[in-house]
PDB file of N, CA and C in Angstrom:
ATOM      1  N   UNK A   1    -146.050  13.688  80.292  1.00  0.00           N
ATOM      2  CA  UNK A   1    -144.953  13.284  80.217  1.00  0.00           C
ATOM      3  C   UNK A   1    -144.569  14.986  79.792  1.00  0.00           C
ATOM      4  N   UNK A   2    -143.175  15.268  80.325  1.00  0.00           N
ATOM      5  CA  UNK A   2    -142.905  16.804  80.821  1.00  0.00           C
ATOM      6  C   UNK A   2    -141.664  16.985  79.397  1.00  0.00           C
ATOM      7  N   UNK A   3    -140.926  17.379  79.372  1.00  0.00           N
ATOM      8  CA  UNK A   3    -139.859  18.181  78.416  1.00  0.00           C
ATOM      9  C   UNK A   3    -138.474  17.013  78.899  1.00  0.00           C
ATOM     10  N   UNK A   4    -138.372  17.142  80.211  1.00  0.00           N
ATOM     11  CA  UNK A   4    -137.238  15.923  80.658  1.00  0.00           C
ATOM     12  C   UNK A   4    -137.444  14.703  79.945  1.00  0.00           C
ATOM     13  N   UNK A   5    -138.858  14.298  80.693  1.00  0.00           N
ATOM     14  CA  UNK A   5    -139.395  12.840  80.371  1.00  0.00           C
ATOM     15  C   UNK A   5    -139.561  12.457  78.692  1.00  0.00           C
ATOM     16  N   UNK A   6    -139.588  13.545  77.960  1.00  0.00           N
ATOM     17  CA  UNK A   6    -139.909  13.327  76.551  1.00  0.00           C
ATOM     18  C   UNK A   6    -137.693  13.091  75.886  1.00  0.00           C
ATOM     19  N   UNK A   7    -137.042  13.944  76.354  1.00  0.00           N
ATOM     20  CA  UNK A   7    -136.006  14.088  76.104  1.00  0.00           C
ATOM     21  C   UNK A   7    -134.844  12.980  76.041  1.00  0.00           C
ATOM     22  N   UNK A   8    -135.610  12.272  77.473  1.00  0.00           N
ATOM     23  CA  UNK A   8    -134.952  11.536  77.785  1.00  0.00           C
ATOM     24  C   UNK A   8    -135.598   9.656  76.996  1.00  0.00           C
ATOM     25  N   UNK A   9    -136.276  10.316  76.526  1.00  0.00           N
ATOM     26  CA  UNK A   9    -137.437   8.663  76.129  1.00  0.00           C
ATOM     27  C   UNK A   9    -136.411   9.014  74.690  1.00  0.00           C
ATOM     28  N   UNK A  10    -136.681  10.305  73.916  1.00  0.00           N
ATOM     29  CA  UNK A  10    -136.433   9.817  72.140  1.00  0.00           C
ATOM     30  C   UNK A  10    -134.315  10.014  72.696  1.00  0.00           C
ATOM     31  N   UNK A  11    -133.448   9.599  74.252  1.00  0.00           N
ATOM     32  CA  UNK A  11    -132.212   9.564  73.765  1.00  0.00           C
ATOM     33  C   UNK A  11    -132.076   7.992  73.925  1.00  0.00           C
ATOM     34  N   UNK A  12    -133.037   7.709  74.690  1.00  0.00           N
ATOM     35  CA  UNK A  12    -133.108   6.163  74.153  1.00  0.00           C
ATOM     36  C   UNK A  12    -133.519   5.725  72.972  1.00  0.00           C
ATOM     37  N   UNK A  13    -134.748   6.325  72.953  1.00  0.00           N
ATOM     38  CA  UNK A  13    -134.902   5.697  71.168  1.00  0.00           C
ATOM     39  C   UNK A  13    -133.265   5.942  70.020  1.00  0.00           C
ATOM     40  N   UNK A  14    -132.883   7.041  70.275  1.00  0.00           N
ATOM     41  CA  UNK A  14    -131.885   7.646  69.123  1.00  0.00           C
ATOM     42  C   UNK A  14    -130.549   6.508  69.507  1.00  0.00           C
ATOM     43  N   UNK A  15    -130.527   6.320  70.728  1.00  0.00           N
ATOM     44  CA  UNK A  15    -129.085   5.199  71.233  1.00  0.00           C
ATOM     45  C   UNK A  15    -128.065   6.823  71.571  1.00  0.00           C
ATOM     46  N   UNK A  16    -128.581   7.913  72.135  1.00  0.00           N
ATOM     47  CA  UNK A  16    -127.344   8.739  72.243  1.00  0.00           C
ATOM     48  C   UNK A  16    -127.994   9.261  73.508  1.00  0.00           C
ATOM     49  N   UNK A  17    -127.178  10.188  74.361  1.00  0.00           N
ATOM     50  CA  UNK A  17    -126.911  10.413  75.990  1.00  0.00           C
ATOM     51  C   UNK A  17    -127.975  11.653  75.720  1.00  0.00           C
ATOM     52  N   UNK A  18    -128.240  11.893  76.732  1.00  0.00           N
ATOM     53  CA  UNK A  18    -129.849  13.097  77.105  1.00  0.00           C
ATOM     54  C   UNK A  18    -129.271  13.997  77.010  1.00  0.00           C
ATOM     55  N   UNK A  19    -127.963  14.631  77.460  1.00  0.00           N
ATOM     56  CA  UNK A  19    -127.733  15.807  76.508  1.00  0.00           C
ATOM     57  C   UNK A  19    -127.242  16.481  75.312  1.00  0.00           C
ATOM     58  N   UNK A  20    -126.947  15.154  74.527  1.00  0.00           N
ATOM     59  CA  UNK A  20    -127.496  15.585  73.605  1.00  0.00           C
ATOM     60  C   UNK A  20    -128.459  15.764  72.482  1.00  0.00           C
ATOM     61  N   UNK A  21    -129.569  14.836  73.043  1.00  0.00           N
ATOM     62  CA  UNK A  21    -131.129  14.560  72.484  1.00  0.00           C
ATOM     63  C   UNK A  21    -131.630  16.213  72.888  1.00  0.00           C
ATOM     64  N   UNK A  22    -131.050  16.465  74.118  1.00  0.00           N
ATOM     65  CA  UNK A  22    -131.481  18.134  74.808  1.00  0.00           C
ATOM     66  C   UNK A  22    -131.101  18.941  73.573  1.00  0.00           C
ATOM     67  N   UNK A  23    -129.927  19.078  73.288  1.00  0.00           N
ATOM     68  CA  UNK A  23    -129.283  20.070  72.445  1.00  0.00           C
ATOM     69  C   UNK A  23    -129.910  19.792  70.940  1.00  0.00           C
ATOM     70  N   UNK A  24    -130.295  19.025  70.858  1.00  0.00           N
ATOM     71  CA  UNK A  24    -131.461  19.114  69.212  1.00  0.00           C
ATOM     72  C   UNK A  24    -132.775  19.067  69.541  1.00  0.00           C
ATOM     73  N   UNK A  25    -133.351  18.987  70.588  1.00  0.00           N
ATOM     74  CA  UNK A  25    -134.615  19.743  70.760  1.00  0.00           C
ATOM     75  C   UNK A  25    -134.623  20.653  70.829  1.00  0.00           C
ATOM     76  N   UNK A  26    -133.665  21.481  71.636  1.00  0.00           N
ATOM     77  CA  UNK A  26    -133.506  23.074  71.852  1.00  0.00           C
ATOM     78  C   UNK A  26    -133.127  23.333  70.568  1.00  0.00           C
ATOM     79  N   UNK A  27    -132.693  22.938  69.699  1.00  0.00           N
ATOM     80  CA  UNK A  27    -132.148  23.583  68.740  1.00  0.00           C
ATOM     81  C   UNK A  27    -133.350  23.111  67.299  1.00  0.00           C
ATOM     82  N   UNK A  28    -134.429  22.797  67.444  1.00  0.00           N
ATOM     83  CA  UNK A  28    -135.441  22.306  66.195  1.00  0.00           C
ATOM     84  C   UNK A  28    -136.599  23.144  67.197  1.00  0.00           C
ATOM     85  N   UNK A  29    -136.746  23.530  68.438  1.00  0.00           N
ATOM     86  CA  UNK A  29    -137.567  24.652  69.002  1.00  0.00           C
ATOM     87  C   UNK A  29    -137.324  26.142  68.319  1.00  0.00           C
ATOM     88  N   UNK A  30    -136.157  26.658  68.685  1.00  0.00           N
ATOM     89  CA  UNK A  30    -135.055  27.644  68.212  1.00  0.00           C
ATOM     90  C   UNK A  30    -135.716  27.830  66.658  1.00  0.00           C
ATOM     91  N   UNK A  31    -135.306  26.631  65.864  1.00  0.00           N
ATOM     92  CA  UNK A  31    -135.522  26.475  63.983  1.00  0.00           C
ATOM     93  C   UNK A  31    -136.888  26.765  64.134  1.00  0.00           C
ATOM     94  N   UNK A  32    -137.937  26.265  64.532  1.00  0.00           N
ATOM     95  CA  UNK A  32    -139.420  26.509  64.325  1.00  0.00           C
ATOM     96  C   UNK A  32    -139.085  27.922  64.543  1.00  0.00           C
ATOM     97  N   UNK A  33    -139.129  28.546  66.063  1.00  0.00           N
ATOM     98  CA  UNK A  33    -139.744  29.721  66.376  1.00  0.00           C
ATOM     99  C   UNK A  33    -138.527  31.013  65.010  1.00  0.00           C
ATOM    100  N   UNK A  34    -137.695  30.602  64.726  1.00  0.00           N
ATOM    101  CA  UNK A  34    -137.134  31.692  63.868  1.00  0.00           C
ATOM    102  C   UNK A  34    -137.920  31.572  62.876  1.00  0.00           C
ATOM    103  N   UNK A  35    -138.185  30.406  61.724  1.00  0.00           N
ATOM    104  CA  UNK A  35    -138.955  30.316  60.660  1.00  0.00           C
ATOM    105  C   UNK A  35    -139.828  31.101  60.529  1.00  0.00           C
ATOM    106  N   UNK A  36    -140.984  30.698  61.812  1.00  0.00           N
ATOM    107  CA  UNK A  36    -142.663  31.337  61.801  1.00  0.00           C
ATOM    108  C   UNK A  36    -142.329  32.563  61.930  1.00  0.00           C
ATOM    109  N   UNK A  37    -140.975  33.142  62.289  1.00  0.00           N
ATOM    110  CA  UNK A  37    -140.844  34.760  63.303  1.00  0.00           C
ATOM    111  C   UNK A  37    -140.270  35.339  61.275  1.00  0.00           C
ATOM    112  N   UNK A  38    -140.110  34.739  60.810  1.00  0.00           N
ATOM    113  CA  UNK A  38    -139.678  35.121  59.340  1.00  0.00           C
ATOM    114  C   UNK A  38    -141.228  34.539  58.207  1.00  0.00           C
ATOM    115  N   UNK A  39    -141.721  34.553  58.692  1.00  0.00           N
ATOM    116  CA  UNK A  39    -143.427  34.491  58.194  1.00  0.00           C
ATOM    117  C   UNK A  39    -143.027  33.370  57.330  1.00  0.00           C
ATOM    118  N   UNK A  40    -142.190  32.289  57.269  1.00  0.00           N
ATOM    119  CA  UNK A  40    -142.303  30.442  56.614  1.00  0.00           C
ATOM    120  C   UNK A  40    -143.214  29.856  57.663  1.00  0.00           C
ATOM    121  N   UNK A  41    -143.725  28.671  56.381  1.00  0.00           N
ATOM    122  CA  UNK A  41    -144.390  27.891  57.214  1.00  0.00           C
ATOM    123  C   UNK A  41    -143.378  26.376  57.007  1.00  0.00           C
ATOM    124  N   UNK A  42    -143.712  25.756  58.122  1.00  0.00           N
ATOM    125  CA  UNK A  42    -143.045  24.159  58.169  1.00  0.00           C
ATOM    126  C   UNK A  42    -143.759  23.185  57.542  1.00  0.00           C
ATOM    127  N   UNK A  43    -143.753  21.768  56.962  1.00  0.00           N
ATOM    128  CA  UNK A  43    -144.736  21.805  56.420  1.00  0.00           C
ATOM    129  C   UNK A  43    -143.302  20.266  56.920  1.00  0.00           C
ATOM    130  N   UNK A  44    -143.800  18.616  56.969  1.00  0.00           N
ATOM    131  CA  UNK A  44    -143.145  17.908  57.592  1.00  0.00           C
ATOM    132  C   UNK A  44    -144.419  16.589  57.227  1.00  0.00           C
ATOM    133  N   UNK A  45    -143.953  16.593  56.157  1.00  0.00           N
ATOM    134  CA  UNK A  45    -144.805  14.754  55.305  1.00  0.00           C
ATOM    135  C   UNK A  45    -144.956  13.854  56.422  1.00  0.00           C
ATOM    136  N   UNK A  46    -146.198  13.953  56.797  1.00  0.00           N
ATOM    137  CA  UNK A  46    -146.221  12.087  57.930  1.00  0.00           C
ATOM    138  C   UNK A  46    -146.292  12.563  59.227  1.00  0.00           C
ATOM    139  N   UNK A  47    -146.322  13.646  59.365  1.00  0.00           N
ATOM    140  CA  UNK A  47    -146.290  14.562  60.755  1.00  0.00           C
ATOM    141  C   UNK A  47    -147.229  15.401  60.791  1.00  0.00           C
ATOM    142  N   UNK A  48    -146.790  16.530  60.273  1.00  0.00           N
ATOM    143  CA  UNK A  48    -147.733  17.848  60.519  1.00  0.00           C
ATOM    144  C   UNK A  48    -146.959  19.086  59.725  1.00  0.00           C
ATOM    145  N   UNK A  49    -147.598  20.130  60.316  1.00  0.00           N
ATOM    146  CA  UNK A  49    -146.948  21.442  59.452  1.00  0.00           C
ATOM    147  C   UNK A  49    -147.267  22.676  61.142  1.00  0.00           C
ATOM    148  N   UNK A  50    -146.235  23.043  61.155  1.00  0.00           N
ATOM    149  CA  UNK A  50    -146.213  24.849  62.003  1.00  0.00           C
ATOM    150  C   UNK A  50    -146.612  25.779  60.764  1.00  0.00           C
ATOM    151  N   UNK A  51    -147.389  26.735  61.617  1.00  0.00           N
ATOM    152  CA  UNK A  51    -147.325  28.169  60.975  1.00  0.00           C
ATOM    153  C   UNK A  51    -147.882  29.256  62.080  1.00  0.00           C
ATOM    154  N   UNK A  52    -147.760  30.028  61.347  1.00  0.00           N
ATOM    155  CA  UNK A  52    -148.413  31.437  62.317  1.00  0.00           C
ATOM    156  C   UNK A  52    -149.061  32.173  61.893  1.00  0.00           C
ATOM    157  N   UNK A  53    -150.588  32.529  62.829  1.00  0.00           N
ATOM    158  CA  UNK A  53    -152.294  32.622  61.599  1.00  0.00           C
ATOM    159  C   UNK A  53    -152.192  34.120  63.106  1.00  0.00           C
ATOM    160  N   UNK A  54    -152.354  35.113  61.900  1.00  0.00           N
ATOM    161  CA  UNK A  54    -153.152  35.890  62.335  1.00  0.00           C
ATOM    162  C   UNK A  54    -154.670  36.324  62.884  1.00  0.00           C
ATOM    163  N   UNK A  55    -154.585  36.738  64.184  1.00  0.00           N
ATOM    164  CA  UNK A  55    -155.836  36.718  64.705  1.00  0.00           C
ATOM    165  C   UNK A  55    -156.168  37.949  64.674  1.00  0.00           C
ATOM    166  N   UNK A  56    -157.141  38.375  64.362  1.00  0.00           N
ATOM    167  CA  UNK A  56    -157.774  39.698  64.423  1.00  0.00           C
ATOM    168  C   UNK A  56    -158.140  40.089  65.627  1.00  0.00           C
ATOM    169  N   UNK A  57    -158.212  41.761  66.797  1.00  0.00           N
ATOM    170  CA  UNK A  57    -158.584  42.113  67.343  1.00  0.00           C
ATOM    171  C   UNK A  57    -160.610  41.653  67.612  1.00  0.00           C
ATOM    172  N   UNK A  58    -160.708  41.699  68.533  1.00  0.00           N
ATOM    173  CA  UNK A  58    -162.251  41.308  68.903  1.00  0.00           C
ATOM    174  C   UNK A  58    -162.643  41.800  70.026  1.00  0.00           C
ATOM    175  N   UNK A  59    -164.058  41.868  70.389  1.00  0.00           N
ATOM    176  CA  UNK A  59    -164.233  42.032  71.685  1.00  0.00           C
ATOM    177  C   UNK A  59    -164.808  40.554  72.784  1.00  0.00           C
ATOM    178  N   UNK A  60    -164.979  40.424  73.972  1.00  0.00           N
ATOM    179  CA  UNK A  60    -164.883  39.489  74.392  1.00  0.00           C
ATOM    180  C   UNK A  60    -165.599  39.738  75.812  1.00  0.00           C
ATOM    181  N   UNK A  61    -166.498  39.051  76.054  1.00  0.00           N
ATOM    182  CA  UNK A  61    -167.455  39.748  77.673  1.00  0.00           C
ATOM    183  C   UNK A  61    -166.796  39.073  78.753  1.00  0.00           C
ATOM    184  N   UNK A  62    -166.781  40.060  79.587  1.00  0.00           N
ATOM    185  CA  UNK A  62    -165.861  39.127  80.836  1.00  0.00           C
ATOM    186  C   UNK A  62    -166.830  38.465  81.619  1.00  0.00           C
ATOM    187  N   UNK A  63    -166.528  37.717  81.715  1.00  0.00           N
ATOM    188  CA  UNK A  63    -167.763  36.408  82.692  1.00  0.00           C
ATOM    189  C   UNK A  63    -168.132  36.983  83.985  1.00  0.00           C
ATOM    190  N   UNK A  64    -166.560  37.435  84.947  1.00  0.00           N
ATOM    191  CA  UNK A  64    -167.237  38.008  86.154  1.00  0.00           C
ATOM    192  C   UNK A  64    -167.969  39.381  86.070  1.00  0.00           C
ATOM    193  N   UNK A  65    -168.274  40.047  85.240  1.00  0.00           N
ATOM    194  CA  UNK A  65    -168.737  41.663  85.427  1.00  0.00           C
ATOM    195  C   UNK A  65    -169.847  41.738  84.498  1.00  0.00           C
ATOM    196  N   UNK A  66    -169.814  41.026  83.236  1.00  0.00           N
ATOM    197  CA  UNK A  66    -170.123  40.801  81.765  1.00  0.00           C
ATOM    198  C   UNK A  66    -170.072  42.349  81.421  1.00  0.00           C
ATOM    199  N   UNK A  67    -168.860  42.574  81.564  1.00  0.00           N
ATOM    200  CA  UNK A  67    -168.676  44.356  80.703  1.00  0.00           C
ATOM    201  C   UNK A  67    -167.768  43.700  79.335  1.00  0.00           C
ATOM    202  N   UNK A  68    -167.553  44.604  78.434  1.00  0.00           N
ATOM    203  CA  UNK A  68    -167.039  44.054  77.146  1.00  0.00           C
ATOM    204  C   UNK A  68    -165.867  44.273  77.152  1.00  0.00           C
ATOM    205  N   UNK A  69    -164.683  43.422  76.516  1.00  0.00           N
ATOM    206  CA  UNK A  69    -163.109  43.630  77.119  1.00  0.00           C
ATOM    207  C   UNK A  69    -162.765  43.237  75.234  1.00  0.00           C
ATOM    208  N   UNK A  70    -161.657  44.668  75.340  1.00  0.00           N
ATOM    209  CA  UNK A  70    -161.128  44.636  74.111  1.00  0.00           C
ATOM    210  C   UNK A  70    -159.789  43.790  73.863  1.00  0.00           C
ATOM    211  N   UNK A  71    -159.824  42.890  72.956  1.00  0.00           N
ATOM    212  CA  UNK A  71    -158.649  42.096  72.371  1.00  0.00           C
ATOM    213  C   UNK A  71    -158.107  42.043  71.385  1.00  0.00           C
ATOM    214  N   UNK A  72    -156.856  42.605  71.610  1.00  0.00           N
ATOM    215  CA  UNK A  72    -156.057  43.217  70.539  1.00  0.00           C
ATOM    216  C   UNK A  72    -155.586  42.338  69.717  1.00  0.00           C
ATOM    217  N   UNK A  73    -155.241  42.554  68.505  1.00  0.00           N
ATOM    218  CA  UNK A  73    -154.936  41.508  67.517  1.00  0.00           C
ATOM    219  C   UNK A  73    -153.800  40.843  67.705  1.00  0.00           C
ATOM    220  N   UNK A  74    -153.309  39.690  67.334  1.00  0.00           N
ATOM    221  CA  UNK A  74    -152.483  39.078  67.536  1.00  0.00           C
ATOM    222  C   UNK A  74    -151.525  38.167  66.637  1.00  0.00           C
ATOM    223  N   UNK A  75    -150.621  37.933  66.895  1.00  0.00           N
ATOM    224  CA  UNK A  75    -150.298  36.215  65.990  1.00  0.00           C
ATOM    225  C   UNK A  75    -150.168  35.238  66.858  1.00  0.00           C
ATOM    226  N   UNK A  76    -150.485  34.340  66.316  1.00  0.00           N
ATOM    227  CA  UNK A  76    -150.337  32.727  67.025  1.00  0.00           C
ATOM    228  C   UNK A  76    -150.307  31.816  66.491  1.00  0.00           C
ATOM    229  N   UNK A  77    -148.808  31.026  67.046  1.00  0.00           N
ATOM    230  CA  UNK A  77    -148.325  29.884  66.344  1.00  0.00           C
ATOM    231  C   UNK A  77    -149.486  28.968  66.299  1.00  0.00           C
ATOM    232  N   UNK A  78    -149.543  28.317  65.287  1.00  0.00           N
ATOM    233  CA  UNK A  78    -150.246  26.628  65.017  1.00  0.00           C
ATOM    234  C   UNK A  78    -149.344  25.814  64.407  1.00  0.00           C
ATOM    235  N   UNK A  79    -150.553  24.450  65.322  1.00  0.00           N
ATOM    236  CA  UNK A  79    -149.559  23.073  65.163  1.00  0.00           C
ATOM    237  C   UNK A  79    -150.675  22.125  64.255  1.00  0.00           C
ATOM    238  N   UNK A  80    -150.644  21.807  62.969  1.00  0.00           N
ATOM    239  CA  UNK A  80    -152.036  20.751  63.130  1.00  0.00           C
ATOM    240  C   UNK A  80    -151.101  19.663  62.548  1.00  0.00           C
ATOM    241  N   UNK A  81    -151.648  18.310  62.446  1.00  0.00           N
ATOM    242  CA  UNK A  81    -151.347  16.979  62.806  1.00  0.00           C
ATOM    243  C   UNK A  81    -151.562  16.579  61.433  1.00  0.00           C
ATOM    244  N   UNK A  82    -150.980  16.203  60.462  1.00  0.00           N
ATOM    245  CA  UNK A  82    -151.316  15.300  58.956  1.00  0.00           C
ATOM    246  C   UNK A  82    -151.922  14.184  59.122  1.00  0.00           C
ATOM    247  N   UNK A  83    -152.733  13.892  58.086  1.00  0.00           N
ATOM    248  CA  UNK A  83    -153.634  13.053  58.275  1.00  0.00           C
ATOM    249  C   UNK A  83    -153.270  11.390  58.510  1.00  0.00           C
ATOM    250  N   UNK A  84    -151.977  11.453  58.076  1.00  0.00           N
ATOM    251  CA  UNK A  84    -151.270   9.964  58.131  1.00  0.00           C
ATOM    252  C   UNK A  84    -150.502   9.889  59.603  1.00  0.00           C
ATOM    253  N   UNK A  85    -151.038  10.046  60.012  1.00  0.00           N
ATOM    254  CA  UNK A  85    -150.445  10.630  61.242  1.00  0.00           C
ATOM    255  C   UNK A  85    -150.992  10.792  62.010  1.00  0.00           C
ATOM    256  N   UNK A  86    -152.444  10.980  61.868  1.00  0.00           N
ATOM    257  CA  UNK A  86    -153.859  10.833  62.736  1.00  0.00           C
ATOM    258  C   UNK A  86    -154.578   9.553  62.353  1.00  0.00           C
ATOM    259  N   UNK A  87    -153.790   9.308  61.138  1.00  0.00           N
ATOM    260  CA  UNK A  87    -154.788   7.817  60.947  1.00  0.00           C
ATOM    261  C   UNK A  87    -154.080   7.290  61.622  1.00  0.00           C
ATOM    262  N   UNK A  88    -152.697   6.872  62.159  1.00  0.00           N
ATOM    263  CA  UNK A  88    -152.240   6.170  63.037  1.00  0.00           C
ATOM    264  C   UNK A  88    -153.115   5.297  64.441  1.00  0.00           C
ATOM    265  N   UNK A  89    -153.569   6.300  64.446  1.00  0.00           N
ATOM    266  CA  UNK A  89    -154.542   6.200  66.161  1.00  0.00           C
ATOM    267  C   UNK A  89    -155.640   6.500  65.490  1.00  0.00           C
ATOM    268  N   UNK A  90    -155.932   5.818  64.545  1.00  0.00           N
ATOM    269  CA  UNK A  90    -157.573   5.140  64.128  1.00  0.00           C
ATOM    270  C   UNK A  90    -157.588   4.292  63.114  1.00  0.00           C
ATOM    271  N   UNK A  91    -156.883   3.600  63.606  1.00  0.00           N
ATOM    272  CA  UNK A  91    -157.153   2.177  62.934  1.00  0.00           C
ATOM    273  C   UNK A  91    -157.998   0.980  63.340  1.00  0.00           C
TER     274      UNK A  91
END
């Protein structure tokens, strides 16, 4: 399922237009980005949590030439599904 198909499915479930569902989706993504950039974590009980994790600098091996490559430290967004959401699929 791609973004367009997802927005169409949400619009049908919410009984609204695809345009409105698209606006809400884009607003949700923008809000997640803003909150994570601000250093906060988002927790949605029954669904999961979004957070920004710091990855330390490290050295990896290039599989093509077997030479070490330095990988810079970075921040990476992370999403973790909650227990109750995962339980839906394991009944």
